[in-house]
Amino acid sequence: MTGEKQEPGRAEAAVRRARFGALPERIRLEDTVEERPATVPDPARDAYNADEWLVRTCL
C-alpha cells in the first residue's frame, strides 16, 4: 500500500452531486390532468333485459 492519504468517497460524492444536485423542474397541477370529452352512451349496448339474467344463470 502507498502512504498517500485520500479522502474516502470524494470522487463518488462529486459524481452523486453532479447527478442529483438539483431538483427537477416543478410540474403545474394543470399539466397533470388529462381531460377528454365524454362519449355519448349507446342505448343498444346499455339496454337492460329483465330476462337476460335468468337465461345466463339458469341455462
C-alpha atoms as a PDB file:
ATOM      1  CA  MET A   1       0.000   0.000   0.000  1.00  0.00           C
ATOM      2  CA  THR A   2       1.161   3.509  -0.639  1.00  0.00           C
ATOM      3  CA  GLY A   3       1.481   6.128   2.043  1.00  0.00           C
ATOM      4  CA  GLU A   4      -0.859   8.572   0.249  1.00  0.00           C
ATOM      5  CA  LYS A   5      -3.908   9.582   2.190  1.00  0.00           C
ATOM      6  CA  GLN A   6      -7.085  10.158   0.156  1.00  0.00           C
ATOM      7  CA  GLU A   7     -10.449  11.228   1.399  1.00  0.00           C
ATOM      8  CA  PRO A   8     -12.724   8.236   1.037  1.00  0.00           C
ATOM      9  CA  GLY A   9     -15.641   8.742  -1.290  1.00  0.00           C
ATOM     10  CA  ARG A  10     -14.685  12.201  -2.557  1.00  0.00           C
ATOM     11  CA  ALA A  11     -14.953  11.206  -6.220  1.00  0.00           C
ATOM     12  CA  GLU A  12     -18.187   9.335  -5.578  1.00  0.00           C
ATOM     13  CA  ALA A  13     -19.625  12.354  -3.773  1.00  0.00           C
ATOM     14  CA  ALA A  14     -18.763  14.609  -6.719  1.00  0.00           C
ATOM     15  CA  VAL A  15     -20.440  12.236  -9.163  1.00  0.00           C
ATOM     16  CA  ARG A  16     -23.506  11.983  -6.932  1.00  0.00           C
ATOM     17  CA  ARG A  17     -23.709  15.781  -6.574  1.00  0.00           C
ATOM     18  CA  ALA A  18     -23.434  16.228 -10.350  1.00  0.00           C
ATOM     19  CA  ARG A  19     -26.248  13.745 -10.945  1.00  0.00           C
ATOM     20  CA  PHE A  20     -28.625  14.530  -8.067  1.00  0.00           C
ATOM     21  CA  GLY A  21     -27.512  18.037  -7.080  1.00  0.00           C
ATOM     22  CA  ALA A  22     -30.585  19.839  -8.452  1.00  0.00           C
ATOM     23  CA  LEU A  23     -34.265  19.117  -8.133  1.00  0.00           C
ATOM     24  CA  PRO A  24     -36.279  18.521 -11.309  1.00  0.00           C
ATOM     25  CA  GLU A  25     -38.449  21.309 -12.665  1.00  0.00           C
ATOM     26  CA  ARG A  26     -41.804  21.762 -10.963  1.00  0.00           C
ATOM     27  CA  ILE A  27     -44.870  20.488 -12.788  1.00  0.00           C
ATOM     28  CA  ARG A  28     -48.019  22.570 -12.574  1.00  0.00           C
ATOM     29  CA  LEU A  29     -51.131  20.793 -11.328  1.00  0.00           C
ATOM     30  CA  GLU A  30     -52.982  21.774 -14.502  1.00  0.00           C
ATOM     31  CA  ASP A  31     -50.408  19.829 -16.530  1.00  0.00           C
ATOM     32  CA  THR A  32     -51.015  16.605 -14.599  1.00  0.00           C
ATOM     33  CA  VAL A  33     -54.697  16.246 -15.526  1.00  0.00           C
ATOM     34  CA  GLU A  34     -55.887  14.994 -18.883  1.00  0.00           C
ATOM     35  CA  GLU A  35     -59.362  15.999 -19.935  1.00  0.00           C
ATOM     36  CA  ARG A  36     -61.314  14.157 -22.612  1.00  0.00           C
ATOM     37  CA  PRO A  37     -64.879  14.727 -23.714  1.00  0.00           C
ATOM     38  CA  ALA A  38     -67.284  12.054 -22.545  1.00  0.00           C
ATOM     39  CA  THR A  39     -68.750   9.769 -25.160  1.00  0.00           C
ATOM     40  CA  VAL A  40     -72.453   9.566 -25.778  1.00  0.00           C
ATOM     41  CA  PRO A  41     -73.883   6.414 -24.168  1.00  0.00           C
ATOM     42  CA  ASP A  42     -75.032   3.753 -26.606  1.00  0.00           C
ATOM     43  CA  PRO A  43     -78.623   2.804 -25.730  1.00  0.00           C
ATOM     44  CA  ALA A  44     -78.374  -0.529 -27.560  1.00  0.00           C
ATOM     45  CA  ARG A  45     -75.318  -1.532 -25.523  1.00  0.00           C
ATOM     46  CA  ASP A  46     -76.691  -0.490 -22.168  1.00  0.00           C
ATOM     47  CA  ALA A  47     -80.239  -1.720 -22.668  1.00  0.00           C
ATOM     48  CA  TYR A  48     -81.473  -3.780 -19.731  1.00  0.00           C
ATOM     49  CA  ASN A  49     -83.215  -7.037 -20.472  1.00  0.00           C
ATOM     50  CA  ALA A  50     -85.121  -8.361 -17.470  1.00  0.00           C
ATOM     51  CA  ASP A  51     -84.945 -11.959 -18.717  1.00  0.00           C
ATOM     52  CA  GLU A  52     -81.253 -11.978 -19.614  1.00  0.00           C
ATOM     53  CA  TRP A  53     -80.078 -12.750 -16.063  1.00  0.00           C
ATOM     54  CA  LEU A  54     -82.424 -15.735 -15.995  1.00  0.00           C
ATOM     55  CA  VAL A  55     -81.016 -17.114 -19.251  1.00  0.00           C
ATOM     56  CA  ARG A  56     -77.393 -16.557 -18.141  1.00  0.00           C
ATOM     57  CA  THR A  57     -77.747 -18.121 -14.702  1.00  0.00           C
ATOM     58  CA  CYS A  58     -80.218 -20.934 -15.291  1.00  0.00           C
ATOM     59  CA  LEU A  59     -79.094 -22.409 -18.583  1.00  0.00           C
END
